Amino acid sequence: MSIIKSLNQTSEKAIDVGEQYYRKTQEYYKLKVFQQLTLTMSVFCKSAIIGGLFFLAIIFFAVSGTIVLTEALGSAALACLIIASSLIILSIIAYILRSKIDSIVIRKMGKNFFD
């Protein structure tokens, strides 16, 4: 009978250890998900703030550049065309470099995600 009691106690200990492992693993994954969500939200918030300010700066540079070119060339339409052409060229360059931008983002996020 003592062998059965011993097996029963051993199996109860194994069940307790398994449940404890399960709880700890669950806590770990909750913390890992929380870390990834906060990191993602932080990146999105920083991108929105920095991107918004950068966008405003581009608008002000474009307007001031147009005003300067209007005074230099004597034609507001020509100045607007030059500024618009410059912005389109910059957009095309960014479009060409999009795969490099993707690889940089994936590399940076991969370090945080897989650690």
C-alpha atoms as a PDB file:
ATOM      1  CA  MET A   1       0.000   0.000   0.000  1.00  0.00           C
ATOM      2  CA  SER A   2       2.909   2.353   0.692  1.00  0.00           C
ATOM      3  CA  ILE A   3       4.036   2.047  -2.921  1.00  0.00           C
ATOM      4  CA  ILE A   4       0.637   3.294  -4.090  1.00  0.00           C
ATOM      5  CA  LYS A   5       0.784   6.202  -1.616  1.00  0.00           C
ATOM      6  CA  SER A   6       4.303   7.006  -2.757  1.00  0.00           C
ATOM      7  CA  LEU A   7       3.235   6.961  -6.412  1.00  0.00           C
ATOM      8  CA  ASN A   8       0.214   9.098  -5.538  1.00  0.00           C
ATOM      9  CA  GLN A   9       2.396  11.674  -3.748  1.00  0.00           C
ATOM     10  CA  THR A  10       4.912  11.694  -6.597  1.00  0.00           C
ATOM     11  CA  SER A  11       2.185  12.173  -9.204  1.00  0.00           C
ATOM     12  CA  GLU A  12       0.633  14.977  -7.121  1.00  0.00           C
ATOM     13  CA  LYS A  13       4.028  16.683  -6.920  1.00  0.00           C
ATOM     14  CA  ALA A  14       4.466  16.295 -10.680  1.00  0.00           C
ATOM     15  CA  ILE A  15       1.007  17.775 -11.268  1.00  0.00           C
ATOM     16  CA  ASP A  16       1.827  20.698  -8.960  1.00  0.00           C
ATOM     17  CA  VAL A  17       5.128  21.323 -10.725  1.00  0.00           C
ATOM     18  CA  GLY A  18       3.384  21.131 -14.114  1.00  0.00           C
ATOM     19  CA  GLU A  19       0.690  23.596 -13.027  1.00  0.00           C
ATOM     20  CA  GLN A  20       3.306  25.946 -11.622  1.00  0.00           C
ATOM     21  CA  TYR A  21       5.260  25.752 -14.879  1.00  0.00           C
ATOM     22  CA  TYR A  22       2.089  26.450 -16.838  1.00  0.00           C
ATOM     23  CA  ARG A  23       1.269  29.512 -14.679  1.00  0.00           C
ATOM     24  CA  LYS A  24       4.807  30.882 -14.971  1.00  0.00           C
ATOM     25  CA  THR A  25       4.816  30.343 -18.736  1.00  0.00           C
ATOM     26  CA  GLN A  26       1.465  32.094 -19.013  1.00  0.00           C
ATOM     27  CA  GLU A  27       2.777  35.043 -16.960  1.00  0.00           C
ATOM     28  CA  TYR A  28       5.881  35.204 -19.145  1.00  0.00           C
ATOM     29  CA  TYR A  29       3.850  35.342 -22.345  1.00  0.00           C
ATOM     30  CA  LYS A  30       1.553  38.002 -20.898  1.00  0.00           C
ATOM     31  CA  LEU A  31       4.599  40.122 -20.079  1.00  0.00           C
ATOM     32  CA  LYS A  32       6.132  39.459 -23.507  1.00  0.00           C
ATOM     33  CA  VAL A  33       2.910  40.473 -25.282  1.00  0.00           C
ATOM     34  CA  PHE A  34       2.689  43.585 -23.078  1.00  0.00           C
ATOM     35  CA  GLN A  35       6.297  44.463 -23.935  1.00  0.00           C
ATOM     36  CA  GLN A  36       5.686  44.060 -27.670  1.00  0.00           C
ATOM     37  CA  LEU A  37       2.440  46.055 -27.578  1.00  0.00           C
ATOM     38  CA  THR A  38       4.010  48.919 -25.642  1.00  0.00           C
ATOM     39  CA  LEU A  39       7.022  48.917 -27.945  1.00  0.00           C
ATOM     40  CA  THR A  40       4.771  48.999 -31.004  1.00  0.00           C
ATOM     41  CA  MET A  41       2.604  51.774 -29.605  1.00  0.00           C
ATOM     42  CA  SER A  42       5.701  53.722 -28.638  1.00  0.00           C
ATOM     43  CA  VAL A  43       7.077  53.445 -32.174  1.00  0.00           C
ATOM     44  CA  PHE A  44       3.738  54.495 -33.678  1.00  0.00           C
ATOM     45  CA  CYS A  45       3.407  57.493 -31.331  1.00  0.00           C
ATOM     46  CA  LYS A  46       6.977  58.639 -31.951  1.00  0.00           C
ATOM     47  CA  SER A  47       6.506  58.193 -35.686  1.00  0.00           C
ATOM     48  CA  ALA A  48       3.272  60.186 -35.654  1.00  0.00           C
ATOM     49  CA  ILE A  49       4.785  63.051 -33.643  1.00  0.00           C
ATOM     50  CA  ILE A  50       8.074  63.215 -35.529  1.00  0.00           C
ATOM     51  CA  GLY A  51       6.382  62.614 -38.890  1.00  0.00           C
ATOM     52  CA  GLY A  52       3.788  65.312 -38.230  1.00  0.00           C
ATOM     53  CA  LEU A  53       6.413  67.858 -37.265  1.00  0.00           C
ATOM     54  CA  PHE A  54       8.560  66.899 -40.243  1.00  0.00           C
ATOM     55  CA  PHE A  55       5.548  67.245 -42.536  1.00  0.00           C
ATOM     56  CA  LEU A  56       4.859  70.741 -41.171  1.00  0.00           C
ATOM     57  CA  ALA A  57       8.500  71.656 -41.716  1.00  0.00           C
ATOM     58  CA  ILE A  58       8.332  70.478 -45.333  1.00  0.00           C
ATOM     59  CA  ILE A  59       5.195  72.551 -45.892  1.00  0.00           C
ATOM     60  CA  PHE A  60       6.844  75.671 -44.460  1.00  0.00           C
ATOM     61  CA  PHE A  61      10.005  75.076 -46.504  1.00  0.00           C
ATOM     62  CA  ALA A  62       7.935  74.595 -49.650  1.00  0.00           C
ATOM     63  CA  VAL A  63       5.940  77.787 -49.060  1.00  0.00           C
ATOM     64  CA  SER A  64       8.997  79.860 -48.193  1.00  0.00           C
ATOM     65  CA  GLY A  65      10.943  78.384 -51.117  1.00  0.00           C
ATOM     66  CA  THR A  66       8.063  79.235 -53.427  1.00  0.00           C
ATOM     67  CA  ILE A  67       7.997  82.812 -52.159  1.00  0.00           C
ATOM     68  CA  VAL A  68      11.761  83.188 -52.629  1.00  0.00           C
ATOM     69  CA  LEU A  69      11.623  81.672 -56.124  1.00  0.00           C
ATOM     70  CA  THR A  70       8.663  83.894 -57.020  1.00  0.00           C
ATOM     71  CA  GLU A  71      10.690  86.978 -56.129  1.00  0.00           C
ATOM     72  CA  ALA A  72      13.786  85.662 -57.949  1.00  0.00           C
ATOM     73  CA  LEU A  73      12.008  84.451 -61.108  1.00  0.00           C
ATOM     74  CA  GLY A  74       9.163  86.943 -61.174  1.00  0.00           C
ATOM     75  CA  SER A  75       6.623  84.155 -61.797  1.00  0.00           C
ATOM     76  CA  ALA A  76       4.590  82.470 -59.073  1.00  0.00           C
ATOM     77  CA  ALA A  77       3.482  79.662 -61.384  1.00  0.00           C
ATOM     78  CA  LEU A  78       7.041  78.788 -62.364  1.00  0.00           C
ATOM     79  CA  ALA A  79       8.143  78.841 -58.720  1.00  0.00           C
ATOM     80  CA  CYS A  80       5.299  76.460 -57.771  1.00  0.00           C
ATOM     81  CA  LEU A  81       6.236  74.123 -60.619  1.00  0.00           C
ATOM     82  CA  ILE A  82       9.858  74.003 -59.502  1.00  0.00           C
ATOM     83  CA  ILE A  83       8.929  73.265 -55.872  1.00  0.00           C
ATOM     84  CA  ALA A  84       6.352  70.634 -56.889  1.00  0.00           C
ATOM     85  CA  SER A  85       8.863  68.991 -59.224  1.00  0.00           C
ATOM     86  CA  SER A  86      11.419  68.863 -56.407  1.00  0.00           C
ATOM     87  CA  LEU A  87       8.910  67.191 -54.082  1.00  0.00           C
ATOM     88  CA  ILE A  88       7.953  64.674 -56.754  1.00  0.00           C
ATOM     89  CA  ILE A  89      11.619  63.804 -57.339  1.00  0.00           C
ATOM     90  CA  LEU A  90      12.115  63.276 -53.597  1.00  0.00           C
ATOM     91  CA  SER A  91       9.014  61.048 -53.541  1.00  0.00           C
ATOM     92  CA  ILE A  92      10.350  58.946 -56.418  1.00  0.00           C
ATOM     93  CA  ILE A  93      13.682  58.520 -54.623  1.00  0.00           C
ATOM     94  CA  ALA A  94      11.849  57.395 -51.464  1.00  0.00           C
ATOM     95  CA  TYR A  95       9.784  54.965 -53.550  1.00  0.00           C
ATOM     96  CA  ILE A  96      12.927  53.481 -55.103  1.00  0.00           C
ATOM     97  CA  LEU A  97      14.519  53.048 -51.657  1.00  0.00           C
ATOM     98  CA  ARG A  98      11.390  51.466 -50.096  1.00  0.00           C
ATOM     99  CA  SER A  99      12.880  47.948 -49.922  1.00  0.00           C
ATOM    100  CA  LYS A 100      15.910  49.241 -48.027  1.00  0.00           C
ATOM    101  CA  ILE A 101      13.593  51.080 -45.646  1.00  0.00           C
ATOM    102  CA  ASP A 102      11.615  47.851 -45.112  1.00  0.00           C
ATOM    103  CA  SER A 103      14.757  45.852 -44.369  1.00  0.00           C
ATOM    104  CA  ILE A 104      15.951  48.453 -41.849  1.00  0.00           C
ATOM    105  CA  VAL A 105      12.593  48.413 -40.058  1.00  0.00           C
ATOM    106  CA  ILE A 106      12.454  44.604 -40.034  1.00  0.00           C
ATOM    107  CA  ARG A 107      16.010  44.367 -38.706  1.00  0.00           C
ATOM    108  CA  LYS A 108      15.340  46.863 -35.902  1.00  0.00           C
ATOM    109  CA  MET A 109      12.006  45.322 -34.900  1.00  0.00           C
ATOM    110  CA  GLY A 110      13.412  41.791 -35.148  1.00  0.00           C
ATOM    111  CA  LYS A 111      15.990  42.533 -32.460  1.00  0.00           C
ATOM    112  CA  ASN A 112      13.259  43.648 -30.062  1.00  0.00           C
ATOM    113  CA  PHE A 113      10.750  40.956 -30.976  1.00  0.00           C
ATOM    114  CA  PHE A 114      13.007  37.910 -30.822  1.00  0.00           C
ATOM    115  CA  ASP A 115      14.937  38.862 -27.663  1.00  0.00           C
END
